[in-house]
Amino acid sequence: MSGNGRHVSVLRNEVVLALAPSTGEIFVDGTFGAGGYSRALLDAAKCHVYAVDRDPDAIARAQTLKAKYGDRLTLLTGRFSKMDELLRSRRVTEVDGVALDLGVSSDQIDNPERGFSFQSDGPLDMRMESAGPSAADVVNTYSEGALDQIIWTLGEERKARAIARAIVHAREKAPLMRTADLSEICARVVGGHHDGLHPATRTFQALRIYVNDELGELARGLAAAERLLKPGGRLAVVSFHSLEDRIVKRFLAERSGHTPRASRHAPSAGASAPGSFALKTRKAITPSSAEIARNPRARSAKLRAAVRTSEPALPFDPDKSGLVLEVQP
């Protein structure tokens, strides 16, 4: 996640501390964006960073960084869920650290033509890779029930059903092709700001997550990091809303043998089997008040970090994980 000024990597110092780069080590910045974490790692030690981003524009903008760091920075276009495959194509089979900064970058939000923002009018797109079905395709073709499910589940929007109904009613007159059109519908249905959020915030979040399969990507990406990290390798994940953090927390709890009991009154199961990760901290690390003052977009950020053990990676099937939302259009 980036902020104004122009790019501000949230919890940057804390991420570098968690990853603890040393000379000669290899890292993956799985969500390169504007390169904040890559730059911080490369400045902290004479290490090598493989920077991955599914957005071709992000990789194209990175050429100035490439010129600065030379062979220590390798740019790869692709999804971080396939980081192990991407690095294997470069004959790299294990790394010392992985950083993931989830969500959408400010470079994407601040460009109206990408269609991520409800505050600037632009095409209703939201695709990180600029390929595949767009947000406009979803709102103009999905049933009212499917839209309700997406907005309720992925946006945690209490008025999801009313918004879905209003979308279907509006598109009967003309297709919804602009962000301003959808933002206006949300404002009319939801009313004023709630919890300090614009009335379109949760609906836009839900559509963006759905269009880009962000939660499925995260679940698969965590499993890919587990396969790629060597014993002693470090993982640092920064999330920005509860759905993301829930997945990260659950994954690391399961992999570290700290899966919570169904009830606090239930008896402990006893010693857990050795896990593939050891938690660096039991609780998430959050930004300081000073960082939030400098960059308000940091206010909801949470960092979770863990260290890879020598135990083998566990099998993972995202389709059976309950983490991927299945919607019948």
C-alpha atoms as a PDB file:
ATOM      1  CA  MET A   1       0.000   0.000   0.000  1.00  0.00           C
ATOM      2  CA  SER A   2       1.323   3.399  -0.886  1.00  0.00           C
ATOM      3  CA  GLY A   3       0.399   6.876   0.071  1.00  0.00           C
ATOM      4  CA  ASN A   4       0.811  10.441  -1.016  1.00  0.00           C
ATOM      5  CA  GLY A   5       4.137  11.981  -1.276  1.00  0.00           C
ATOM      6  CA  ARG A   6       4.519  10.011  -3.611  1.00  0.00           C
ATOM      7  CA  HIS A   7       4.977   6.505  -2.312  1.00  0.00           C
ATOM      8  CA  VAL A   8       4.923   5.638   1.369  1.00  0.00           C
ATOM      9  CA  SER A   9       5.391   1.988   2.270  1.00  0.00           C
ATOM     10  CA  VAL A  10       3.403   1.218   5.393  1.00  0.00           C
ATOM     11  CA  LEU A  11       5.363  -0.261   8.320  1.00  0.00           C
ATOM     12  CA  ARG A  12       8.500  -0.185   6.167  1.00  0.00           C
ATOM     13  CA  ASN A  13      10.990  -0.155   9.037  1.00  0.00           C
ATOM     14  CA  GLU A  14       9.100  -2.909  10.850  1.00  0.00           C
ATOM     15  CA  VAL A  15       9.072  -5.067   7.702  1.00  0.00           C
ATOM     16  CA  VAL A  16      12.822  -4.624   7.210  1.00  0.00           C
ATOM     17  CA  LEU A  17      13.399  -5.478  10.873  1.00  0.00           C
ATOM     18  CA  ALA A  18      11.280  -8.634  10.526  1.00  0.00           C
ATOM     19  CA  LEU A  19      13.109  -9.723   7.362  1.00  0.00           C
ATOM     20  CA  ALA A  20      16.570  -8.777   8.719  1.00  0.00           C
ATOM     21  CA  PRO A  21      18.415  -8.732   5.374  1.00  0.00           C
ATOM     22  CA  SER A  22      22.108  -9.639   5.237  1.00  0.00           C
ATOM     23  CA  THR A  23      24.757  -9.555   2.518  1.00  0.00           C
ATOM     24  CA  GLY A  24      24.231 -12.201  -0.140  1.00  0.00           C
ATOM     25  CA  GLU A  25      20.692 -13.116   0.859  1.00  0.00           C
ATOM     26  CA  ILE A  26      17.784 -13.425  -1.574  1.00  0.00           C
ATOM     27  CA  PHE A  27      14.360 -11.870  -1.046  1.00  0.00           C
ATOM     28  CA  VAL A  28      11.034 -11.752  -2.852  1.00  0.00           C
ATOM     29  CA  ASP A  29       8.964  -8.586  -2.832  1.00  0.00           C
ATOM     30  CA  GLY A  30       5.768 -10.261  -3.961  1.00  0.00           C
ATOM     31  CA  THR A  31       3.731  -7.066  -4.297  1.00  0.00           C
ATOM     32  CA  PHE A  32       6.251  -4.645  -5.788  1.00  0.00           C
ATOM     33  CA  GLY A  33       3.908  -1.692  -6.433  1.00  0.00           C
ATOM     34  CA  ALA A  34       6.101   1.410  -6.388  1.00  0.00           C
ATOM     35  CA  GLY A  35       9.023  -0.530  -4.923  1.00  0.00           C
ATOM     36  CA  GLY A  36       9.072   0.774  -1.349  1.00  0.00           C
ATOM     37  CA  TYR A  37       9.954  -2.521   0.325  1.00  0.00           C
ATOM     38  CA  SER A  38      12.376  -3.521  -2.438  1.00  0.00           C
ATOM     39  CA  ARG A  39      14.211  -0.229  -2.064  1.00  0.00           C
ATOM     40  CA  ALA A  40      14.330  -0.542   1.727  1.00  0.00           C
ATOM     41  CA  LEU A  41      15.726  -4.080   1.581  1.00  0.00           C
ATOM     42  CA  LEU A  42      18.330  -3.200  -1.040  1.00  0.00           C
ATOM     43  CA  ASP A  43      19.438  -0.167   0.977  1.00  0.00           C
ATOM     44  CA  ALA A  44      19.641  -2.184   4.205  1.00  0.00           C
ATOM     45  CA  ALA A  45      22.072  -4.827   2.902  1.00  0.00           C
ATOM     46  CA  LYS A  46      23.852  -6.016  -0.228  1.00  0.00           C
ATOM     47  CA  CYS A  47      21.128  -8.535  -0.936  1.00  0.00           C
ATOM     48  CA  HIS A  48      19.209  -9.506  -4.068  1.00  0.00           C
ATOM     49  CA  VAL A  49      15.497  -8.787  -4.491  1.00  0.00           C
ATOM     50  CA  TYR A  50      13.175 -10.480  -6.959  1.00  0.00           C
ATOM     51  CA  ALA A  51      10.333  -7.991  -7.374  1.00  0.00           C
ATOM     52  CA  VAL A  52       7.024  -9.492  -8.518  1.00  0.00           C
ATOM     53  CA  ASP A  53       3.896  -7.627  -9.608  1.00  0.00           C
ATOM     54  CA  ARG A  54       0.870  -8.685 -11.628  1.00  0.00           C
ATOM     55  CA  ASP A  55       0.404  -5.108 -12.868  1.00  0.00           C
ATOM     56  CA  PRO A  56       2.554  -4.532 -15.985  1.00  0.00           C
ATOM     57  CA  ASP A  57       2.458  -0.769 -15.322  1.00  0.00           C
ATOM     58  CA  ALA A  58       4.223  -1.271 -11.985  1.00  0.00           C
ATOM     59  CA  ILE A  59       7.043  -3.209 -13.610  1.00  0.00           C
ATOM     60  CA  ALA A  60       7.334  -0.626 -16.390  1.00  0.00           C
ATOM     61  CA  ARG A  61       7.654   2.195 -13.823  1.00  0.00           C
ATOM     62  CA  ALA A  62      10.419   0.304 -12.020  1.00  0.00           C
ATOM     63  CA  GLN A  63      13.129   0.894 -14.614  1.00  0.00           C
ATOM     64  CA  THR A  64      14.631   3.796 -12.653  1.00  0.00           C
ATOM     65  CA  LEU A  65      15.053   1.519  -9.646  1.00  0.00           C
ATOM     66  CA  LYS A  66      16.560  -1.129 -11.883  1.00  0.00           C
ATOM     67  CA  ALA A  67      19.066   1.419 -13.142  1.00  0.00           C
ATOM     68  CA  LYS A  68      20.015   2.310  -9.560  1.00  0.00           C
ATOM     69  CA  TYR A  69      20.399  -1.188  -8.139  1.00  0.00           C
ATOM     70  CA  GLY A  70      21.483  -3.038 -11.258  1.00  0.00           C
ATOM     71  CA  ASP A  71      21.848  -6.811 -10.989  1.00  0.00           C
ATOM     72  CA  ARG A  72      20.687  -6.813  -7.348  1.00  0.00           C
ATOM     73  CA  LEU A  73      17.098  -6.169  -8.493  1.00  0.00           C
ATOM     74  CA  THR A  74      15.240  -8.541 -10.800  1.00  0.00           C
ATOM     75  CA  LEU A  75      11.785  -7.495 -12.054  1.00  0.00           C
ATOM     76  CA  LEU A  76       9.212 -10.198 -12.756  1.00  0.00           C
ATOM     77  CA  THR A  77       5.721  -9.712 -14.163  1.00  0.00           C
ATOM     78  CA  GLY A  78       3.322 -12.213 -12.636  1.00  0.00           C
ATOM     79  CA  ARG A  79       1.259 -13.164  -9.605  1.00  0.00           C
ATOM     80  CA  PHE A  80       2.900 -13.657  -6.229  1.00  0.00           C
ATOM     81  CA  SER A  81       0.893 -16.864  -5.861  1.00  0.00           C
ATOM     82  CA  LYS A  82       3.279 -18.271  -8.472  1.00  0.00           C
ATOM     83  CA  MET A  83       6.449 -16.851  -6.934  1.00  0.00           C
ATOM     84  CA  ASP A  84       8.044 -20.273  -6.615  1.00  0.00           C
ATOM     85  CA  GLU A  85       7.444 -20.988 -10.321  1.00  0.00           C
ATOM     86  CA  LEU A  86       8.670 -17.524 -11.351  1.00  0.00           C
ATOM     87  CA  LEU A  87      11.903 -17.927  -9.408  1.00  0.00           C
ATOM     88  CA  ARG A  88      12.382 -21.514 -10.522  1.00  0.00           C
ATOM     89  CA  SER A  89      12.471 -20.184 -14.097  1.00  0.00           C
ATOM     90  CA  ARG A  90      15.471 -18.152 -12.895  1.00  0.00           C
ATOM     91  CA  ARG A  91      17.008 -21.263 -11.313  1.00  0.00           C
ATOM     92  CA  VAL A  92      16.272 -20.049  -7.789  1.00  0.00           C
ATOM     93  CA  THR A  93      14.713 -22.746  -5.613  1.00  0.00           C
ATOM     94  CA  GLU A  94      14.848 -21.161  -2.153  1.00  0.00           C
ATOM     95  CA  VAL A  95      15.006 -17.671  -0.663  1.00  0.00           C
ATOM     96  CA  ASP A  96      15.786 -15.988   2.660  1.00  0.00           C
ATOM     97  CA  GLY A  97      12.713 -13.806   2.894  1.00  0.00           C
ATOM     98  CA  VAL A  98       9.346 -12.874   1.398  1.00  0.00           C
ATOM     99  CA  ALA A  99       7.480  -9.580   1.806  1.00  0.00           C
ATOM    100  CA  LEU A 100       3.809  -9.154   0.884  1.00  0.00           C
ATOM    101  CA  ASP A 101       2.006  -5.796   0.986  1.00  0.00           C
ATOM    102  CA  LEU A 102      -1.631  -6.580   0.249  1.00  0.00           C
ATOM    103  CA  GLY A 103      -4.406  -4.628  -1.396  1.00  0.00           C
ATOM    104  CA  VAL A 104      -4.262  -1.905  -4.009  1.00  0.00           C
ATOM    105  CA  SER A 105      -1.439   0.612  -4.379  1.00  0.00           C
ATOM    106  CA  SER A 106      -1.888   4.366  -4.414  1.00  0.00           C
ATOM    107  CA  ASP A 107      -0.474   4.456  -7.943  1.00  0.00           C
ATOM    108  CA  GLN A 108      -3.509   2.404  -8.970  1.00  0.00           C
ATOM    109  CA  ILE A 109      -5.979   4.345  -6.824  1.00  0.00           C
ATOM    110  CA  ASP A 110      -4.692   7.742  -7.918  1.00  0.00           C
ATOM    111  CA  ASN A 111      -5.011   6.953 -11.650  1.00  0.00           C
ATOM    112  CA  PRO A 112      -8.701   7.457 -12.549  1.00  0.00           C
ATOM    113  CA  GLU A 113      -8.280   5.434 -15.738  1.00  0.00           C
ATOM    114  CA  ARG A 114      -7.689   2.272 -13.696  1.00  0.00           C
ATOM    115  CA  GLY A 115     -11.181   2.555 -12.184  1.00  0.00           C
ATOM    116  CA  PHE A 116     -10.258   1.776  -8.561  1.00  0.00           C
ATOM    117  CA  SER A 117     -11.337   5.076  -7.029  1.00  0.00           C
ATOM    118  CA  PHE A 118     -14.845   6.176  -6.107  1.00  0.00           C
ATOM    119  CA  GLN A 119     -13.584   9.749  -5.690  1.00  0.00           C
ATOM    120  CA  SER A 120     -12.413  10.321  -9.272  1.00  0.00           C
ATOM    121  CA  ASP A 121     -14.537   9.460 -12.273  1.00  0.00           C
ATOM    122  CA  GLY A 122     -13.119   6.883 -14.637  1.00  0.00           C
ATOM    123  CA  PRO A 123     -13.988   3.645 -16.408  1.00  0.00           C
ATOM    124  CA  LEU A 124     -15.375   1.009 -14.031  1.00  0.00           C
ATOM    125  CA  ASP A 125     -12.409  -1.331 -14.460  1.00  0.00           C
ATOM    126  CA  MET A 126     -10.457  -2.329 -11.280  1.00  0.00           C
ATOM    127  CA  ARG A 127      -8.354  -5.017 -13.005  1.00  0.00           C
ATOM    128  CA  MET A 128      -4.797  -5.145 -11.682  1.00  0.00           C
ATOM    129  CA  GLU A 129      -3.579  -6.976 -14.771  1.00  0.00           C
ATOM    130  CA  SER A 130      -5.805  -5.057 -17.204  1.00  0.00           C
ATOM    131  CA  ALA A 131      -7.040  -8.422 -18.464  1.00  0.00           C
ATOM    132  CA  GLY A 132     -10.098 -10.576 -17.851  1.00  0.00           C
ATOM    133  CA  PRO A 133     -13.578  -9.486 -16.715  1.00  0.00           C
ATOM    134  CA  SER A 134     -13.769  -5.958 -15.312  1.00  0.00           C
ATOM    135  CA  ALA A 135     -15.885  -4.505 -12.511  1.00  0.00           C
ATOM    136  CA  ALA A 136     -18.232  -3.170 -15.207  1.00  0.00           C
ATOM    137  CA  ASP A 137     -18.725  -6.717 -16.498  1.00  0.00           C
ATOM    138  CA  VAL A 138     -19.660  -7.872 -12.999  1.00  0.00           C
ATOM    139  CA  VAL A 139     -22.119  -5.096 -12.124  1.00  0.00           C
ATOM    140  CA  ASN A 140     -23.813  -5.255 -15.526  1.00  0.00           C
ATOM    141  CA  THR A 141     -24.184  -9.031 -15.899  1.00  0.00           C
ATOM    142  CA  TYR A 142     -24.325 -10.642 -12.449  1.00  0.00           C
ATOM    143  CA  SER A 143     -27.649 -11.360 -10.799  1.00  0.00           C
ATOM    144  CA  GLU A 144     -28.919  -9.344  -7.879  1.00  0.00           C
ATOM    145  CA  GLY A 145     -28.252 -12.285  -5.568  1.00  0.00           C
ATOM    146  CA  ALA A 146     -24.671 -12.662  -6.773  1.00  0.00           C
ATOM    147  CA  LEU A 147     -23.972  -8.940  -6.351  1.00  0.00           C
ATOM    148  CA  ASP A 148     -25.479  -9.059  -2.860  1.00  0.00           C
ATOM    149  CA  GLN A 149     -23.208 -12.007  -1.983  1.00  0.00           C
ATOM    150  CA  ILE A 150     -20.083 -10.256  -3.264  1.00  0.00           C
ATOM    151  CA  ILE A 151     -20.787  -6.914  -1.595  1.00  0.00           C
ATOM    152  CA  TRP A 152     -21.879  -8.485   1.698  1.00  0.00           C
ATOM    153  CA  THR A 153     -19.066 -11.044   1.957  1.00  0.00           C
ATOM    154  CA  LEU A 154     -16.103  -9.170   0.516  1.00  0.00           C
ATOM    155  CA  GLY A 155     -17.118  -5.642   1.436  1.00  0.00           C
ATOM    156  CA  GLU A 156     -18.812  -6.419   4.755  1.00  0.00           C
ATOM    157  CA  GLU A 157     -21.397  -3.853   3.668  1.00  0.00           C
ATOM    158  CA  ARG A 158     -24.549  -3.930   5.804  1.00  0.00           C
ATOM    159  CA  LYS A 159     -26.693  -2.511   2.995  1.00  0.00           C
ATOM    160  CA  ALA A 160     -25.391  -4.959   0.387  1.00  0.00           C
ATOM    161  CA  ARG A 161     -28.846  -6.209  -0.613  1.00  0.00           C
ATOM    162  CA  ALA A 162     -30.194  -2.685  -1.170  1.00  0.00           C
ATOM    163  CA  ILE A 163     -27.100  -1.707  -3.169  1.00  0.00           C
ATOM    164  CA  ALA A 164     -27.389  -4.824  -5.339  1.00  0.00           C
ATOM    165  CA  ARG A 165     -31.073  -4.069  -5.963  1.00  0.00           C
ATOM    166  CA  ALA A 166     -30.250  -0.459  -6.890  1.00  0.00           C
ATOM    167  CA  ILE A 167     -27.507  -1.578  -9.289  1.00  0.00           C
ATOM    168  CA  VAL A 168     -29.847  -3.948 -11.105  1.00  0.00           C
ATOM    169  CA  HIS A 169     -32.549  -1.259 -11.317  1.00  0.00           C
ATOM    170  CA  ALA A 170     -30.076   1.344 -12.664  1.00  0.00           C
ATOM    171  CA  ARG A 171     -28.558  -0.931 -15.318  1.00  0.00           C
ATOM    172  CA  GLU A 172     -32.016  -1.607 -16.759  1.00  0.00           C
ATOM    173  CA  LYS A 173     -31.947   1.986 -18.014  1.00  0.00           C
ATOM    174  CA  ALA A 174     -28.301   2.036 -19.147  1.00  0.00           C
ATOM    175  CA  PRO A 175     -25.142   0.011 -18.441  1.00  0.00           C
ATOM    176  CA  LEU A 176     -23.038   1.202 -15.521  1.00  0.00           C
ATOM    177  CA  MET A 177     -19.674   1.966 -17.099  1.00  0.00           C
ATOM    178  CA  ARG A 178     -18.193   4.721 -14.910  1.00  0.00           C
ATOM    179  CA  THR A 179     -16.984   4.784 -11.318  1.00  0.00           C
ATOM    180  CA  ALA A 180     -19.034   7.930 -10.698  1.00  0.00           C
ATOM    181  CA  ASP A 181     -22.224   6.057 -11.629  1.00  0.00           C
ATOM    182  CA  LEU A 182     -21.598   3.303  -9.093  1.00  0.00           C
ATOM    183  CA  SER A 183     -20.377   5.738  -6.428  1.00  0.00           C
ATOM    184  CA  GLU A 184     -23.591   7.757  -6.804  1.00  0.00           C
ATOM    185  CA  ILE A 185     -25.732   4.636  -6.344  1.00  0.00           C
ATOM    186  CA  CYS A 186     -23.839   3.712  -3.163  1.00  0.00           C
ATOM    187  CA  ALA A 187     -24.143   7.230  -1.780  1.00  0.00           C
ATOM    188  CA  ARG A 188     -27.880   7.267  -2.452  1.00  0.00           C
ATOM    189  CA  VAL A 189     -28.464   3.882  -0.793  1.00  0.00           C
ATOM    190  CA  VAL A 190     -26.039   4.086   2.120  1.00  0.00           C
ATOM    191  CA  GLY A 191     -26.496   7.763   2.832  1.00  0.00           C
ATOM    192  CA  GLY A 192     -23.773   9.791   4.511  1.00  0.00           C
ATOM    193  CA  HIS A 193     -20.372   8.674   5.717  1.00  0.00           C
ATOM    194  CA  HIS A 194     -20.341   5.831   8.245  1.00  0.00           C
ATOM    195  CA  ASP A 195     -17.398   5.025  10.530  1.00  0.00           C
ATOM    196  CA  GLY A 196     -15.434   7.702   8.714  1.00  0.00           C
ATOM    197  CA  LEU A 197     -15.809   5.880   5.398  1.00  0.00           C
ATOM    198  CA  HIS A 198     -17.216   7.132   2.120  1.00  0.00           C
ATOM    199  CA  PRO A 199     -20.508   5.311   1.400  1.00  0.00           C
ATOM    200  CA  ALA A 200     -18.987   3.617  -1.655  1.00  0.00           C
ATOM    201  CA  THR A 201     -15.875   2.326   0.129  1.00  0.00           C
ATOM    202  CA  ARG A 202     -17.061  -1.165   0.980  1.00  0.00           C
ATOM    203  CA  THR A 203     -18.759  -1.817  -2.365  1.00  0.00           C
ATOM    204  CA  PHE A 204     -15.690  -0.747  -4.342  1.00  0.00           C
ATOM    205  CA  GLN A 205     -13.497  -2.863  -2.048  1.00  0.00           C
ATOM    206  CA  ALA A 206     -15.705  -5.889  -2.605  1.00  0.00           C
ATOM    207  CA  LEU A 207     -15.711  -5.580  -6.386  1.00  0.00           C
ATOM    208  CA  ARG A 208     -11.945  -5.019  -6.527  1.00  0.00           C
ATOM    209  CA  ILE A 209     -11.266  -8.069  -4.354  1.00  0.00           C
ATOM    210  CA  TYR A 210     -13.639 -10.187  -6.426  1.00  0.00           C
ATOM    211  CA  VAL A 211     -12.420  -9.038  -9.854  1.00  0.00           C
ATOM    212  CA  ASN A 212      -8.802  -9.752  -8.904  1.00  0.00           C
ATOM    213  CA  ASP A 213      -9.485 -12.851  -6.759  1.00  0.00           C
ATOM    214  CA  GLU A 214      -7.385 -11.209  -4.062  1.00  0.00           C
ATOM    215  CA  LEU A 215      -8.272 -13.573  -1.228  1.00  0.00           C
ATOM    216  CA  GLY A 216      -7.635 -16.670  -3.321  1.00  0.00           C
ATOM    217  CA  GLU A 217      -4.398 -15.085  -4.510  1.00  0.00           C
ATOM    218  CA  LEU A 218      -3.371 -14.450  -0.901  1.00  0.00           C
ATOM    219  CA  ALA A 219      -4.136 -18.011   0.210  1.00  0.00           C
ATOM    220  CA  ARG A 220      -2.160 -19.471  -2.697  1.00  0.00           C
ATOM    221  CA  GLY A 221       0.624 -16.925  -2.202  1.00  0.00           C
ATOM    222  CA  LEU A 222       1.153 -17.868   1.433  1.00  0.00           C
ATOM    223  CA  ALA A 223       1.454 -21.514   0.415  1.00  0.00           C
ATOM    224  CA  ALA A 224       3.925 -20.552  -2.338  1.00  0.00           C
ATOM    225  CA  ALA A 225       6.029 -18.601   0.186  1.00  0.00           C
ATOM    226  CA  GLU A 226       6.021 -21.628   2.484  1.00  0.00           C
ATOM    227  CA  ARG A 227       7.397 -23.794  -0.348  1.00  0.00           C
ATOM    228  CA  LEU A 228      10.016 -21.235  -1.358  1.00  0.00           C
ATOM    229  CA  LEU A 229      11.448 -20.127   1.991  1.00  0.00           C
ATOM    230  CA  LYS A 230      14.504 -21.997   3.248  1.00  0.00           C
ATOM    231  CA  PRO A 231      14.816 -23.017   6.920  1.00  0.00           C
ATOM    232  CA  GLY A 232      15.357 -19.788   8.828  1.00  0.00           C
ATOM    233  CA  GLY A 233      13.743 -17.777   6.037  1.00  0.00           C
ATOM    234  CA  ARG A 234      11.483 -14.899   7.110  1.00  0.00           C
ATOM    235  CA  LEU A 235       7.959 -14.006   6.020  1.00  0.00           C
ATOM    236  CA  ALA A 236       6.416 -10.545   6.527  1.00  0.00           C
ATOM    237  CA  VAL A 237       2.828  -9.817   5.454  1.00  0.00           C
ATOM    238  CA  VAL A 238       1.104  -6.436   5.724  1.00  0.00           C
ATOM    239  CA  SER A 239      -2.689  -6.492   5.389  1.00  0.00           C
ATOM    240  CA  PHE A 240      -5.210  -3.659   5.376  1.00  0.00           C
ATOM    241  CA  HIS A 241      -8.580  -5.154   6.234  1.00  0.00           C
ATOM    242  CA  SER A 242     -10.007  -7.915   8.354  1.00  0.00           C
ATOM    243  CA  LEU A 243     -10.613 -10.406   5.521  1.00  0.00           C
ATOM    244  CA  GLU A 244      -6.936 -10.392   4.541  1.00  0.00           C
ATOM    245  CA  ASP A 245      -5.670 -10.434   8.107  1.00  0.00           C
ATOM    246  CA  ARG A 246      -7.986 -13.312   8.982  1.00  0.00           C
ATOM    247  CA  ILE A 247      -6.444 -15.447   6.231  1.00  0.00           C
ATOM    248  CA  VAL A 248      -2.871 -14.583   7.228  1.00  0.00           C
ATOM    249  CA  LYS A 249      -3.569 -15.151  10.922  1.00  0.00           C
ATOM    250  CA  ARG A 250      -5.278 -18.469  10.282  1.00  0.00           C
ATOM    251  CA  PHE A 251      -2.549 -19.713   7.936  1.00  0.00           C
ATOM    252  CA  LEU A 252       0.273 -18.875  10.345  1.00  0.00           C
ATOM    253  CA  ALA A 253      -1.646 -20.261  13.317  1.00  0.00           C
ATOM    254  CA  GLU A 254      -2.149 -23.575  11.544  1.00  0.00           C
ATOM    255  CA  ARG A 255       1.430 -23.695  10.266  1.00  0.00           C
ATOM    256  CA  SER A 256       2.919 -22.855  13.680  1.00  0.00           C
ATOM    257  CA  GLY A 257       0.761 -25.198  15.731  1.00  0.00           C
ATOM    258  CA  HIS A 258      -1.153 -22.367  17.387  1.00  0.00           C
ATOM    259  CA  THR A 259      -4.601 -23.086  15.983  1.00  0.00           C
ATOM    260  CA  PRO A 260      -7.042 -21.788  18.599  1.00  0.00           C
ATOM    261  CA  ARG A 261      -9.460 -24.117  20.388  1.00  0.00           C
ATOM    262  CA  ALA A 262     -13.101 -24.054  19.375  1.00  0.00           C
ATOM    263  CA  SER A 263     -13.910 -22.747  22.863  1.00  0.00           C
ATOM    264  CA  ARG A 264     -11.761 -21.272  25.592  1.00  0.00           C
ATOM    265  CA  HIS A 265     -13.459 -23.797  27.913  1.00  0.00           C
ATOM    266  CA  ALA A 266     -12.428 -26.756  25.748  1.00  0.00           C
ATOM    267  CA  PRO A 267      -9.455 -28.802  26.950  1.00  0.00           C
ATOM    268  CA  SER A 268      -6.112 -28.330  25.265  1.00  0.00           C
ATOM    269  CA  ALA A 269      -5.162 -30.953  22.709  1.00  0.00           C
ATOM    270  CA  GLY A 270      -1.695 -31.145  24.222  1.00  0.00           C
ATOM    271  CA  ALA A 271       1.595 -30.688  22.414  1.00  0.00           C
ATOM    272  CA  SER A 272       1.221 -29.739  18.758  1.00  0.00           C
ATOM    273  CA  ALA A 273       3.099 -31.343  15.906  1.00  0.00           C
ATOM    274  CA  PRO A 274       6.150 -29.367  14.730  1.00  0.00           C
ATOM    275  CA  GLY A 275       5.041 -26.535  12.475  1.00  0.00           C
ATOM    276  CA  SER A 276       6.508 -25.206   9.246  1.00  0.00           C
ATOM    277  CA  PHE A 277       6.619 -21.674  10.732  1.00  0.00           C
ATOM    278  CA  ALA A 278       7.506 -20.127  14.077  1.00  0.00           C
ATOM    279  CA  LEU A 279       5.705 -16.868  14.856  1.00  0.00           C
ATOM    280  CA  LYS A 280       7.901 -13.825  15.479  1.00  0.00           C
ATOM    281  CA  THR A 281       5.118 -12.252  17.535  1.00  0.00           C
ATOM    282  CA  ARG A 282       1.756 -13.656  18.625  1.00  0.00           C
ATOM    283  CA  LYS A 283      -0.003 -10.337  17.983  1.00  0.00           C
ATOM    284  CA  ALA A 284       0.008  -8.264  14.812  1.00  0.00           C
ATOM    285  CA  ILE A 285       2.259  -5.196  14.659  1.00  0.00           C
ATOM    286  CA  THR A 286       0.388  -1.973  13.894  1.00  0.00           C
ATOM    287  CA  PRO A 287       1.563   1.492  12.793  1.00  0.00           C
ATOM    288  CA  SER A 288       2.481   4.143  15.308  1.00  0.00           C
ATOM    289  CA  SER A 289       0.307   7.216  15.723  1.00  0.00           C
ATOM    290  CA  ALA A 290       3.080   9.223  14.084  1.00  0.00           C
ATOM    291  CA  GLU A 291       3.022   7.031  10.969  1.00  0.00           C
ATOM    292  CA  ILE A 292      -0.766   7.239  10.754  1.00  0.00           C
ATOM    293  CA  ALA A 293      -0.530  11.032  11.000  1.00  0.00           C
ATOM    294  CA  ARG A 294       1.944  11.073   8.109  1.00  0.00           C
ATOM    295  CA  ASN A 295       0.009   8.529   6.040  1.00  0.00           C
ATOM    296  CA  PRO A 296      -3.681   8.102   6.972  1.00  0.00           C
ATOM    297  CA  ARG A 297      -3.954   5.057   4.690  1.00  0.00           C
ATOM    298  CA  ALA A 298      -1.787   3.198   7.205  1.00  0.00           C
ATOM    299  CA  ARG A 299      -4.424   3.314   9.950  1.00  0.00           C
ATOM    300  CA  SER A 300      -5.808  -0.181   9.332  1.00  0.00           C
ATOM    301  CA  ALA A 301      -2.498  -1.910   8.538  1.00  0.00           C
ATOM    302  CA  LYS A 302      -1.355  -5.030  10.381  1.00  0.00           C
ATOM    303  CA  LEU A 303       1.988  -6.788  10.036  1.00  0.00           C
ATOM    304  CA  ARG A 304       2.342 -10.483  10.814  1.00  0.00           C
ATOM    305  CA  ALA A 305       5.771 -12.111  10.616  1.00  0.00           C
ATOM    306  CA  ALA A 306       7.103 -15.646  10.993  1.00  0.00           C
ATOM    307  CA  VAL A 307      10.265 -17.690  10.477  1.00  0.00           C
ATOM    308  CA  ARG A 308      10.366 -20.851   8.368  1.00  0.00           C
ATOM    309  CA  THR A 309      11.369 -23.996  10.229  1.00  0.00           C
ATOM    310  CA  SER A 310      13.014 -27.103   8.779  1.00  0.00           C
ATOM    311  CA  GLU A 311       9.679 -28.947   8.664  1.00  0.00           C
ATOM    312  CA  PRO A 312       8.364 -29.703   5.152  1.00  0.00           C
ATOM    313  CA  ALA A 313       5.707 -27.495   3.584  1.00  0.00           C
ATOM    314  CA  LEU A 314       2.193 -28.777   4.134  1.00  0.00           C
ATOM    315  CA  PRO A 315      -0.207 -29.617   1.296  1.00  0.00           C
ATOM    316  CA  PHE A 316      -2.604 -26.808   0.432  1.00  0.00           C
ATOM    317  CA  ASP A 317      -5.760 -26.897  -1.667  1.00  0.00           C
ATOM    318  CA  PRO A 318      -7.341 -23.419  -1.911  1.00  0.00           C
ATOM    319  CA  ASP A 319     -10.563 -24.880  -3.268  1.00  0.00           C
ATOM    320  CA  LYS A 320     -11.011 -26.803  -0.007  1.00  0.00           C
ATOM    321  CA  SER A 321      -9.762 -24.066   2.280  1.00  0.00           C
ATOM    322  CA  GLY A 322     -12.987 -22.093   2.557  1.00  0.00           C
ATOM    323  CA  LEU A 323     -11.006 -18.983   1.624  1.00  0.00           C
ATOM    324  CA  VAL A 324     -12.158 -18.663  -1.986  1.00  0.00           C
ATOM    325  CA  LEU A 325     -15.588 -17.142  -2.565  1.00  0.00           C
ATOM    326  CA  GLU A 326     -17.629 -19.063  -5.097  1.00  0.00           C
ATOM    327  CA  VAL A 327     -20.361 -17.038  -6.793  1.00  0.00           C
ATOM    328  CA  GLN A 328     -22.870 -18.147  -9.395  1.00  0.00           C
ATOM    329  CA  PRO A 329     -23.259 -15.097 -11.687  1.00  0.00           C
END
